[in-house]
């Protein structure tokens, strides 16, 4: 739950910052997509490094 909340706050902050800089919506979509892609990649790498519970 905390990860989802943190992600929503991050995307909202990025969107707000781009609105303040008056960037075109195409740039906003690309930056938001890149942030989501980075988050998914980091999460996948973090999960692959962990061992499942109960296994040695």
PDB file of N, CA and C in Angstrom:
ATOM      1  N   UNK A   1       0.818  -1.177   0.000  1.00  0.00           N
ATOM      2  CA  UNK A   1       0.000   0.000   0.000  1.00  0.00           C
ATOM      3  C   UNK A   1       0.875   1.259   0.000  1.00  0.00           C
ATOM      4  N   UNK A   2       1.931   1.259   0.804  1.00  0.00           N
ATOM      5  CA  UNK A   2       2.788   2.443   0.874  1.00  0.00           C
ATOM      6  C   UNK A   2       3.507   2.680  -0.443  1.00  0.00           C
ATOM      7  N   UNK A   3       3.842   1.604  -1.141  1.00  0.00           N
ATOM      8  CA  UNK A   3       4.507   1.765  -2.436  1.00  0.00           C
ATOM      9  C   UNK A   3       3.584   2.431  -3.450  1.00  0.00           C
ATOM     10  N   UNK A   4       2.319   2.033  -3.432  1.00  0.00           N
ATOM     11  CA  UNK A   4       1.352   2.639  -4.351  1.00  0.00           C
ATOM     12  C   UNK A   4       1.152   4.116  -4.037  1.00  0.00           C
ATOM     13  N   UNK A   5       1.077   4.440  -2.766  1.00  0.00           N
ATOM     14  CA  UNK A   5       0.913   5.839  -2.362  1.00  0.00           C
ATOM     15  C   UNK A   5       2.137   6.668  -2.750  1.00  0.00           C
ATOM     16  N   UNK A   6       3.312   6.116  -2.528  1.00  0.00           N
ATOM     17  CA  UNK A   6       4.547   6.806  -2.907  1.00  0.00           C
ATOM     18  C   UNK A   6       4.611   7.014  -4.418  1.00  0.00           C
ATOM     19  N   UNK A   7       4.223   5.995  -5.170  1.00  0.00           N
ATOM     20  CA  UNK A   7       4.207   6.114  -6.627  1.00  0.00           C
ATOM     21  C   UNK A   7       3.238   7.172  -7.114  1.00  0.00           C
ATOM     22  N   UNK A   8       2.057   7.216  -6.497  1.00  0.00           N
ATOM     23  CA  UNK A   8       1.065   8.227  -6.880  1.00  0.00           C
ATOM     24  C   UNK A   8       1.572   9.632  -6.570  1.00  0.00           C
ATOM     25  N   UNK A   9       2.215   9.792  -5.416  1.00  0.00           N
ATOM     26  CA  UNK A   9       2.771  11.106  -5.068  1.00  0.00           C
ATOM     27  C   UNK A   9       3.897  11.501  -6.025  1.00  0.00           C
ATOM     28  N   UNK A  10       4.714  10.544  -6.411  1.00  0.00           N
ATOM     29  CA  UNK A  10       5.810  10.822  -7.337  1.00  0.00           C
ATOM     30  C   UNK A  10       5.282  11.245  -8.707  1.00  0.00           C
ATOM     31  N   UNK A  11       4.318  10.498  -9.227  1.00  0.00           N
ATOM     32  CA  UNK A  11       3.745  10.833 -10.531  1.00  0.00           C
ATOM     33  C   UNK A  11       3.035  12.188 -10.465  1.00  0.00           C
ATOM     34  N   UNK A  12       2.328  12.435  -9.376  1.00  0.00           N
ATOM     35  CA  UNK A  12       1.663  13.735  -9.212  1.00  0.00           C
ATOM     36  C   UNK A  12       2.644  14.882  -9.158  1.00  0.00           C
ATOM     37  N   UNK A  13       3.752  14.682  -8.453  1.00  0.00           N
ATOM     38  CA  UNK A  13       4.775  15.728  -8.360  1.00  0.00           C
ATOM     39  C   UNK A  13       5.424  16.000  -9.709  1.00  0.00           C
ATOM     40  N   UNK A  14       5.718  14.936 -10.437  1.00  0.00           N
ATOM     41  CA  UNK A  14       6.314  15.093 -11.771  1.00  0.00           C
ATOM     42  C   UNK A  14       5.334  15.844 -12.681  1.00  0.00           C
ATOM     43  N   UNK A  15       4.071  15.443 -12.654  1.00  0.00           N
ATOM     44  CA  UNK A  15       3.057  16.089 -13.489  1.00  0.00           C
ATOM     45  C   UNK A  15       2.899  17.563 -13.129  1.00  0.00           C
ATOM     46  N   UNK A  16       2.859  17.859 -11.836  1.00  0.00           N
ATOM     47  CA  UNK A  16       2.719  19.242 -11.398  1.00  0.00           C
ATOM     48  C   UNK A  16       3.918  20.080 -11.845  1.00  0.00           C
ATOM     49  N   UNK A  17       5.104  19.538 -11.700  1.00  0.00           N
ATOM     50  CA  UNK A  17       6.309  20.264 -12.123  1.00  0.00           C
ATOM     51  C   UNK A  17       6.316  20.551 -13.615  1.00  0.00           C
ATOM     52  N   UNK A  18       5.862  19.583 -14.398  1.00  0.00           N
ATOM     53  CA  UNK A  18       5.824  19.800 -15.845  1.00  0.00           C
ATOM     54  C   UNK A  18       4.735  20.800 -16.226  1.00  0.00           C
ATOM     55  N   UNK A  19       3.629  20.806 -15.473  1.00  0.00           N
ATOM     56  CA  UNK A  19       2.592  21.814 -15.716  1.00  0.00           C
ATOM     57  C   UNK A  19       3.121  23.217 -15.426  1.00  0.00           C
ATOM     58  N   UNK A  20       3.872  23.341 -14.344  1.00  0.00           N
ATOM     59  CA  UNK A  20       4.429  24.650 -13.988  1.00  0.00           C
ATOM     60  C   UNK A  20       5.424  25.142 -15.040  1.00  0.00           C
ATOM     61  N   UNK A  21       6.115  24.221 -15.675  1.00  0.00           N
ATOM     62  CA  UNK A  21       7.066  24.602 -16.725  1.00  0.00           C
ATOM     63  C   UNK A  21       6.404  24.722 -18.101  1.00  0.00           C
ATOM     64  N   UNK A  22       5.105  24.473 -18.159  1.00  0.00           N
ATOM     65  CA  UNK A  22       4.298  24.597 -19.388  1.00  0.00           C
ATOM     66  C   UNK A  22       4.860  23.742 -20.528  1.00  0.00           C
ATOM     67  N   UNK A  23       5.177  22.494 -20.201  1.00  0.00           N
ATOM     68  CA  UNK A  23       5.674  21.575 -21.223  1.00  0.00           C
ATOM     69  C   UNK A  23       4.509  21.010 -22.030  1.00  0.00           C
ATOM     70  N   UNK A  24       4.752  20.662 -23.281  1.00  0.00           N
ATOM     71  CA  UNK A  24       3.681  20.063 -24.093  1.00  0.00           C
ATOM     72  C   UNK A  24       3.259  18.705 -23.512  1.00  0.00           C
ATOM     73  N   UNK A  25       2.018  18.321 -23.795  1.00  0.00           N
ATOM     74  CA  UNK A  25       1.514  17.072 -23.219  1.00  0.00           C
ATOM     75  C   UNK A  25       2.264  15.851 -23.736  1.00  0.00           C
ATOM     76  N   UNK A  26       2.818  15.911 -24.936  1.00  0.00           N
ATOM     77  CA  UNK A  26       3.590  14.770 -25.450  1.00  0.00           C
ATOM     78  C   UNK A  26       4.822  14.529 -24.578  1.00  0.00           C
ATOM     79  N   UNK A  27       5.453  15.593 -24.123  1.00  0.00           N
ATOM     80  CA  UNK A  27       6.620  15.460 -23.242  1.00  0.00           C
ATOM     81  C   UNK A  27       6.182  14.916 -21.892  1.00  0.00           C
ATOM     82  N   UNK A  28       5.042  15.373 -21.400  1.00  0.00           N
ATOM     83  CA  UNK A  28       4.527  14.889 -20.116  1.00  0.00           C
ATOM     84  C   UNK A  28       4.286  13.388 -20.161  1.00  0.00           C
ATOM     85  N   UNK A  29       3.688  12.899 -21.257  1.00  0.00           N
ATOM     86  CA  UNK A  29       3.433  11.471 -21.392  1.00  0.00           C
ATOM     87  C   UNK A  29       4.735  10.680 -21.463  1.00  0.00           C
ATOM     88  N   UNK A  30       5.725  11.191 -22.175  1.00  0.00           N
ATOM     89  CA  UNK A  30       7.000  10.477 -22.284  1.00  0.00           C
ATOM     90  C   UNK A  30       7.723  10.415 -20.943  1.00  0.00           C
ATOM     91  N   UNK A  31       7.734  11.513 -20.206  1.00  0.00           N
ATOM     92  CA  UNK A  31       8.409  11.535 -18.906  1.00  0.00           C
ATOM     93  C   UNK A  31       7.676  10.642 -17.914  1.00  0.00           C
ATOM     94  N   UNK A  32       6.353  10.693 -17.907  1.00  0.00           N
ATOM     95  CA  UNK A  32       5.575   9.838 -17.006  1.00  0.00           C
ATOM     96  C   UNK A  32       5.792   8.365 -17.348  1.00  0.00           C
ATOM     97  N   UNK A  33       5.797   8.044 -18.625  1.00  0.00           N
ATOM     98  CA  UNK A  33       6.047   6.661 -19.051  1.00  0.00           C
ATOM     99  C   UNK A  33       7.438   6.188 -18.666  1.00  0.00           C
ATOM    100  N   UNK A  34       8.424   7.062 -18.804  1.00  0.00           N
ATOM    101  CA  UNK A  34       9.790   6.693 -18.425  1.00  0.00           C
ATOM    102  C   UNK A  34       9.898   6.467 -16.920  1.00  0.00           C
ATOM    103  N   UNK A  35       9.203   7.279 -16.131  1.00  0.00           N
ATOM    104  CA  UNK A  35       9.214   7.103 -14.674  1.00  0.00           C
ATOM    105  C   UNK A  35       8.547   5.785 -14.288  1.00  0.00           C
ATOM    106  N   UNK A  36       7.432   5.461 -14.927  1.00  0.00           N
ATOM    107  CA  UNK A  36       6.763   4.186 -14.648  1.00  0.00           C
ATOM    108  C   UNK A  36       7.619   2.998 -15.072  1.00  0.00           C
ATOM    109  N   UNK A  37       8.251   3.101 -16.217  1.00  0.00           N
ATOM    110  CA  UNK A  37       9.132   2.031 -16.685  1.00  0.00           C
ATOM    111  C   UNK A  37      10.308   1.830 -15.737  1.00  0.00           C
ATOM    112  N   UNK A  38      10.888   2.920 -15.258  1.00  0.00           N
ATOM    113  CA  UNK A  38      11.990   2.819 -14.299  1.00  0.00           C
ATOM    114  C   UNK A  38      11.522   2.174 -13.000  1.00  0.00           C
ATOM    115  N   UNK A  39      10.333   2.539 -12.532  1.00  0.00           N
ATOM    116  CA  UNK A  39       9.812   1.965 -11.293  1.00  0.00           C
ATOM    117  C   UNK A  39       9.560   0.468 -11.427  1.00  0.00           C
ATOM    118  N   UNK A  40       9.010   0.053 -12.550  1.00  0.00           N
ATOM    119  CA  UNK A  40       8.751  -1.371 -12.775  1.00  0.00           C
ATOM    120  C   UNK A  40      10.060  -2.141 -12.878  1.00  0.00           C
ATOM    121  N   UNK A  41      11.039  -1.579 -13.557  1.00  0.00           N
ATOM    122  CA  UNK A  41      12.338  -2.235 -13.693  1.00  0.00           C
ATOM    123  C   UNK A  41      13.022  -2.379 -12.341  1.00  0.00           C
ATOM    124  N   UNK A  42      13.010  -1.322 -11.551  1.00  0.00           N
ATOM    125  CA  UNK A  42      13.637  -1.379 -10.223  1.00  0.00           C
ATOM    126  C   UNK A  42      12.925  -2.402  -9.349  1.00  0.00           C
ATOM    127  N   UNK A  43      11.600  -2.442  -9.404  1.00  0.00           N
ATOM    128  CA  UNK A  43      10.843  -3.405  -8.610  1.00  0.00           C
ATOM    129  C   UNK A  43      11.152  -4.837  -9.045  1.00  0.00           C
ATOM    130  N   UNK A  44      11.225  -5.069 -10.346  1.00  0.00           N
ATOM    131  CA  UNK A  44      11.515  -6.419 -10.841  1.00  0.00           C
ATOM    132  C   UNK A  44      12.919  -6.858 -10.422  1.00  0.00           C
ATOM    133  N   UNK A  45      13.883  -5.954 -10.493  1.00  0.00           N
ATOM    134  CA  UNK A  45      15.241  -6.300 -10.078  1.00  0.00           C
ATOM    135  C   UNK A  45      15.314  -6.569  -8.580  1.00  0.00           C
ATOM    136  N   UNK A  46      14.582  -5.792  -7.804  1.00  0.00           N
ATOM    137  CA  UNK A  46      14.573  -5.998  -6.349  1.00  0.00           C
ATOM    138  C   UNK A  46      13.924  -7.328  -5.994  1.00  0.00           C
ATOM    139  N   UNK A  47      12.855  -7.689  -6.689  1.00  0.00           N
ATOM    140  CA  UNK A  47      12.183  -8.947  -6.406  1.00  0.00           C
ATOM    141  C   UNK A  47      13.012 -10.155  -6.857  1.00  0.00           C
ATOM    142  N   UNK A  48      13.766 -10.031  -7.929  1.00  0.00           N
ATOM    143  CA  UNK A  48      14.568 -11.167  -8.388  1.00  0.00           C
ATOM    144  C   UNK A  48      15.750 -11.432  -7.458  1.00  0.00           C
ATOM    145  N   UNK A  49      16.176 -10.427  -6.717  1.00  0.00           N
ATOM    146  CA  UNK A  49      17.293 -10.598  -5.794  1.00  0.00           C
ATOM    147  C   UNK A  49      16.904 -11.264  -4.484  1.00  0.00           C
ATOM    148  N   UNK A  50      15.596 -11.284  -4.179  1.00  0.00           N
ATOM    149  CA  UNK A  50      15.120 -11.889  -2.935  1.00  0.00           C
ATOM    150  C   UNK A  50      14.831 -13.362  -3.142  1.00  0.00           C
ATOM    151  N   UNK A  51      15.018 -14.146  -2.075  1.00  0.00           N
ATOM    152  CA  UNK A  51      14.648 -15.548  -2.111  1.00  0.00           C
ATOM    153  C   UNK A  51      13.237 -15.688  -1.579  1.00  0.00           C
ATOM    154  N   UNK A  52      12.461 -16.608  -2.124  1.00  0.00           N
ATOM    155  CA  UNK A  52      11.109 -16.822  -1.596  1.00  0.00           C
ATOM    156  C   UNK A  52      11.156 -17.295  -0.141  1.00  0.00           C
ATOM    157  N   UNK A  53      10.157 -16.917   0.630  1.00  0.00           N
ATOM    158  CA  UNK A  53      10.096 -17.305   2.043  1.00  0.00           C
ATOM    159  C   UNK A  53       9.920 -18.822   2.144  1.00  0.00           C
ATOM    160  N   UNK A  54      10.619 -19.415   3.083  1.00  0.00           N
ATOM    161  CA  UNK A  54      10.472 -20.845   3.316  1.00  0.00           C
ATOM    162  C   UNK A  54      11.478 -21.704   2.568  1.00  0.00           C
ATOM    163  N   UNK A  55      12.236 -21.114   1.685  1.00  0.00           N
ATOM    164  CA  UNK A  55      13.240 -21.889   0.943  1.00  0.00           C
ATOM    165  C   UNK A  55      14.629 -21.500   1.424  1.00  0.00           C
ATOM    166  N   UNK A  56      15.544 -22.475   1.410  1.00  0.00           N
ATOM    167  CA  UNK A  56      16.902 -22.166   1.815  1.00  0.00           C
ATOM    168  C   UNK A  56      17.882 -22.359   0.697  1.00  0.00           C
TER     169      UNK A  56
END
